[in-house]
Amino acid sequence: MPAKDLYHDAVRNALIKDRWTITEDPYRLTWGERDFYVDLGAERVVAAQKGSDCIAVEVKSFLGSSPMHDLELALGQYLLYRSILEEQDPDRALFPAIPNEPADILNEPVGQLLISKHVIKAIVFDPQREEIIRWIP
């Protein structure tokens, strides 16, 4: 099992504050003989739909020396996990969770390109307050 990311607990707490129930920690994926671990699986009951929303959340720190390099690595992991989820659990949406300061890169033209071309969803969170700041649909 992989080690927990620096902000793992902060994101977990932020999701709970946002009325999500953590269902898996970590959320295990298997493809062929390979195992992959998304940091968190969560569910929220939606009364109006008489169902639930299910998500998988991969916590990203962006603590490297280059936010662009961190974004490149996160995108590759996101596309891999999303591809497997689409086959195994198509009703579960994948969200990378990104701290608020490095998340500014998503507002730049390169970030907007990635969001529009690859239909990337993300959670922007404040690691100190352990709160979700915004959801990128």
C-alpha atoms as a PDB file:
ATOM      1  CA  MET A   1       0.000   0.000   0.000  1.00  0.00           C
ATOM      2  CA  PRO A   2       1.291   3.456  -0.818  1.00  0.00           C
ATOM      3  CA  ALA A   3       2.177   6.015   1.828  1.00  0.00           C
ATOM      4  CA  LYS A   4      -0.386   8.705   2.578  1.00  0.00           C
ATOM      5  CA  ASP A   5       0.111  12.097   0.978  1.00  0.00           C
ATOM      6  CA  LEU A   6       1.028  15.020   3.240  1.00  0.00           C
ATOM      7  CA  TYR A   7      -2.478  16.500   2.884  1.00  0.00           C
ATOM      8  CA  HIS A   8      -4.393  13.217   3.038  1.00  0.00           C
ATOM      9  CA  ASP A   9      -6.010  13.881   6.422  1.00  0.00           C
ATOM     10  CA  ALA A  10      -6.768  17.513   5.551  1.00  0.00           C
ATOM     11  CA  VAL A  11      -8.672  16.432   2.430  1.00  0.00           C
ATOM     12  CA  ARG A  12     -10.435  13.645   4.304  1.00  0.00           C
ATOM     13  CA  ASN A  13     -11.570  16.127   6.962  1.00  0.00           C
ATOM     14  CA  ALA A  14     -12.602  18.675   4.314  1.00  0.00           C
ATOM     15  CA  LEU A  15     -14.785  16.077   2.586  1.00  0.00           C
ATOM     16  CA  ILE A  16     -16.423  15.131   5.875  1.00  0.00           C
ATOM     17  CA  LYS A  17     -17.105  18.830   6.594  1.00  0.00           C
ATOM     18  CA  ASP A  18     -18.696  19.018   3.139  1.00  0.00           C
ATOM     19  CA  ARG A  19     -21.083  16.181   4.142  1.00  0.00           C
ATOM     20  CA  TRP A  20     -19.331  13.332   2.310  1.00  0.00           C
ATOM     21  CA  THR A  21     -19.040   9.898   3.884  1.00  0.00           C
ATOM     22  CA  ILE A  22     -15.633   8.289   3.414  1.00  0.00           C
ATOM     23  CA  THR A  23     -16.294   4.755   2.169  1.00  0.00           C
ATOM     24  CA  GLU A  24     -12.753   3.649   1.270  1.00  0.00           C
ATOM     25  CA  ASP A  25      -9.351   4.777   2.491  1.00  0.00           C
ATOM     26  CA  PRO A  26      -7.728   3.954   0.118  1.00  0.00           C
ATOM     27  CA  TYR A  27      -9.987   3.077  -2.819  1.00  0.00           C
ATOM     28  CA  ARG A  28      -8.416   0.055  -4.529  1.00  0.00           C
ATOM     29  CA  LEU A  29      -8.428  -0.438  -8.293  1.00  0.00           C
ATOM     30  CA  THR A  30      -7.158  -3.514 -10.090  1.00  0.00           C
ATOM     31  CA  TRP A  31      -6.388  -3.791 -13.786  1.00  0.00           C
ATOM     32  CA  GLY A  32      -4.876  -7.021 -15.005  1.00  0.00           C
ATOM     33  CA  GLU A  33      -2.308  -8.013 -12.431  1.00  0.00           C
ATOM     34  CA  ARG A  34      -1.724  -4.439 -11.258  1.00  0.00           C
ATOM     35  CA  ASP A  35      -3.183  -2.800  -8.173  1.00  0.00           C
ATOM     36  CA  PHE A  36      -3.649   0.949  -7.913  1.00  0.00           C
ATOM     37  CA  TYR A  37      -4.747   2.954  -4.904  1.00  0.00           C
ATOM     38  CA  VAL A  38      -6.734   6.163  -5.173  1.00  0.00           C
ATOM     39  CA  ASP A  39      -6.456   7.978  -1.849  1.00  0.00           C
ATOM     40  CA  LEU A  40     -10.141   8.129  -0.920  1.00  0.00           C
ATOM     41  CA  GLY A  41     -13.537   6.869  -1.958  1.00  0.00           C
ATOM     42  CA  ALA A  42     -16.536   8.886  -0.772  1.00  0.00           C
ATOM     43  CA  GLU A  43     -20.291   8.977  -1.125  1.00  0.00           C
ATOM     44  CA  ARG A  44     -22.958  11.564  -0.431  1.00  0.00           C
ATOM     45  CA  VAL A  45     -26.664  10.829  -0.315  1.00  0.00           C
ATOM     46  CA  VAL A  46     -28.629  13.089  -2.628  1.00  0.00           C
ATOM     47  CA  ALA A  47     -32.227  13.197  -1.419  1.00  0.00           C
ATOM     48  CA  ALA A  48     -33.607  14.894  -4.522  1.00  0.00           C
ATOM     49  CA  GLN A  49     -32.257  12.081  -6.699  1.00  0.00           C
ATOM     50  CA  LYS A  50     -33.051   9.360  -4.152  1.00  0.00           C
ATOM     51  CA  GLY A  51     -29.574   8.053  -4.728  1.00  0.00           C
ATOM     52  CA  SER A  52     -26.009   8.970  -4.044  1.00  0.00           C
ATOM     53  CA  ASP A  53     -23.019  10.639  -5.635  1.00  0.00           C
ATOM     54  CA  CYS A  54     -19.841   8.578  -5.534  1.00  0.00           C
ATOM     55  CA  ILE A  55     -16.372   9.996  -6.001  1.00  0.00           C
ATOM     56  CA  ALA A  56     -12.764   8.886  -5.822  1.00  0.00           C
ATOM     57  CA  VAL A  57     -10.259  11.500  -4.651  1.00  0.00           C
ATOM     58  CA  GLU A  58      -6.532  11.498  -5.353  1.00  0.00           C
ATOM     59  CA  VAL A  59      -4.727  13.930  -3.048  1.00  0.00           C
ATOM     60  CA  LYS A  60      -1.919  15.917  -4.681  1.00  0.00           C
ATOM     61  CA  SER A  61       0.598  18.011  -2.709  1.00  0.00           C
ATOM     62  CA  PHE A  62       2.314  20.011  -5.459  1.00  0.00           C
ATOM     63  CA  LEU A  63       5.360  20.361  -3.204  1.00  0.00           C
ATOM     64  CA  GLY A  64       7.955  19.817  -5.934  1.00  0.00           C
ATOM     65  CA  SER A  65      10.231  22.538  -7.239  1.00  0.00           C
ATOM     66  CA  SER A  66       8.123  22.969 -10.403  1.00  0.00           C
ATOM     67  CA  PRO A  67       4.318  23.273 -10.366  1.00  0.00           C
ATOM     68  CA  MET A  68       4.339  22.422 -14.095  1.00  0.00           C
ATOM     69  CA  HIS A  69       6.173  19.156 -13.453  1.00  0.00           C
ATOM     70  CA  ASP A  70       3.795  18.338 -10.599  1.00  0.00           C
ATOM     71  CA  LEU A  71       0.860  19.047 -12.928  1.00  0.00           C
ATOM     72  CA  GLU A  72       2.321  16.755 -15.607  1.00  0.00           C
ATOM     73  CA  LEU A  73       2.680  13.896 -13.116  1.00  0.00           C
ATOM     74  CA  ALA A  74      -0.793  14.497 -11.667  1.00  0.00           C
ATOM     75  CA  LEU A  75      -2.367  14.518 -15.135  1.00  0.00           C
ATOM     76  CA  GLY A  76      -0.806  11.181 -16.073  1.00  0.00           C
ATOM     77  CA  GLN A  77      -1.996   9.577 -12.848  1.00  0.00           C
ATOM     78  CA  TYR A  78      -5.461  11.152 -13.267  1.00  0.00           C
ATOM     79  CA  LEU A  79      -5.864   9.787 -16.811  1.00  0.00           C
ATOM     80  CA  LEU A  80      -4.715   6.301 -15.743  1.00  0.00           C
ATOM     81  CA  TYR A  81      -7.058   6.118 -12.748  1.00  0.00           C
ATOM     82  CA  ARG A  82      -9.973   7.655 -14.660  1.00  0.00           C
ATOM     83  CA  SER A  83      -9.565   5.120 -17.484  1.00  0.00           C
ATOM     84  CA  ILE A  84      -9.744   2.225 -15.023  1.00  0.00           C
ATOM     85  CA  LEU A  85     -12.674   3.768 -13.128  1.00  0.00           C
ATOM     86  CA  GLU A  86     -14.631   4.252 -16.359  1.00  0.00           C
ATOM     87  CA  GLU A  87     -14.382   0.490 -16.937  1.00  0.00           C
ATOM     88  CA  GLN A  88     -14.893  -0.751 -13.366  1.00  0.00           C
ATOM     89  CA  ASP A  89     -17.047   1.851 -11.645  1.00  0.00           C
ATOM     90  CA  PRO A  90     -18.440   4.223 -14.302  1.00  0.00           C
ATOM     91  CA  ASP A  91     -20.776   5.983 -11.860  1.00  0.00           C
ATOM     92  CA  ARG A  92     -17.855   7.147  -9.690  1.00  0.00           C
ATOM     93  CA  ALA A  93     -16.217  10.450 -10.676  1.00  0.00           C
ATOM     94  CA  LEU A  94     -12.496  10.995 -10.095  1.00  0.00           C
ATOM     95  CA  PHE A  95     -11.260  14.242  -8.560  1.00  0.00           C
ATOM     96  CA  PRO A  96      -7.661  15.185  -7.860  1.00  0.00           C
ATOM     97  CA  ALA A  97      -7.551  17.331  -4.713  1.00  0.00           C
ATOM     98  CA  ILE A  98      -5.132  20.239  -5.100  1.00  0.00           C
ATOM     99  CA  PRO A  99      -4.105  22.783  -2.430  1.00  0.00           C
ATOM    100  CA  ASN A 100      -5.402  26.311  -3.100  1.00  0.00           C
ATOM    101  CA  GLU A 101      -2.067  28.007  -3.889  1.00  0.00           C
ATOM    102  CA  PRO A 102      -0.727  25.575  -6.511  1.00  0.00           C
ATOM    103  CA  ALA A 103      -4.260  25.296  -7.914  1.00  0.00           C
ATOM    104  CA  ASP A 104      -3.752  28.761  -9.421  1.00  0.00           C
ATOM    105  CA  ILE A 105      -2.025  26.962 -12.299  1.00  0.00           C
ATOM    106  CA  LEU A 106      -5.470  25.690 -13.328  1.00  0.00           C
ATOM    107  CA  ASN A 107      -6.538  29.300 -13.980  1.00  0.00           C
ATOM    108  CA  GLU A 108      -3.628  29.823 -16.367  1.00  0.00           C
ATOM    109  CA  PRO A 109      -4.107  29.113 -20.087  1.00  0.00           C
ATOM    110  CA  VAL A 110      -2.343  25.727 -19.780  1.00  0.00           C
ATOM    111  CA  GLY A 111      -4.654  24.724 -16.934  1.00  0.00           C
ATOM    112  CA  GLN A 112      -7.754  25.836 -18.827  1.00  0.00           C
ATOM    113  CA  LEU A 113      -6.584  23.861 -21.861  1.00  0.00           C
ATOM    114  CA  LEU A 114      -6.238  20.691 -19.783  1.00  0.00           C
ATOM    115  CA  ILE A 115      -9.616  21.173 -18.127  1.00  0.00           C
ATOM    116  CA  SER A 116     -11.412  21.708 -21.439  1.00  0.00           C
ATOM    117  CA  LYS A 117      -9.567  19.097 -23.554  1.00  0.00           C
ATOM    118  CA  HIS A 118      -9.547  16.316 -20.994  1.00  0.00           C
ATOM    119  CA  VAL A 119     -12.726  17.241 -19.072  1.00  0.00           C
ATOM    120  CA  ILE A 120     -10.777  17.291 -15.830  1.00  0.00           C
ATOM    121  CA  LYS A 121     -12.607  17.640 -12.561  1.00  0.00           C
ATOM    122  CA  ALA A 122     -10.779  18.765  -9.422  1.00  0.00           C
ATOM    123  CA  ILE A 123     -11.215  19.786  -5.805  1.00  0.00           C
ATOM    124  CA  VAL A 124      -9.363  22.860  -4.580  1.00  0.00           C
ATOM    125  CA  PHE A 125      -8.851  22.771  -0.816  1.00  0.00           C
ATOM    126  CA  ASP A 126      -7.312  24.841   1.959  1.00  0.00           C
ATOM    127  CA  PRO A 127      -4.936  22.528   3.851  1.00  0.00           C
ATOM    128  CA  GLN A 128      -4.762  24.719   6.969  1.00  0.00           C
ATOM    129  CA  ARG A 129      -8.534  25.150   7.416  1.00  0.00           C
ATOM    130  CA  GLU A 130      -9.225  21.650   6.066  1.00  0.00           C
ATOM    131  CA  GLU A 131     -11.979  23.009   3.844  1.00  0.00           C
ATOM    132  CA  ILE A 132     -12.975  22.651   0.232  1.00  0.00           C
ATOM    133  CA  ILE A 133     -12.689  26.013  -1.518  1.00  0.00           C
ATOM    134  CA  ARG A 134     -14.170  25.036  -4.861  1.00  0.00           C
ATOM    135  CA  TRP A 135     -15.111  22.174  -7.106  1.00  0.00           C
ATOM    136  CA  ILE A 136     -14.013  22.281 -10.720  1.00  0.00           C
ATOM    137  CA  PRO A 137     -16.758  20.435 -12.554  1.00  0.00           C
END
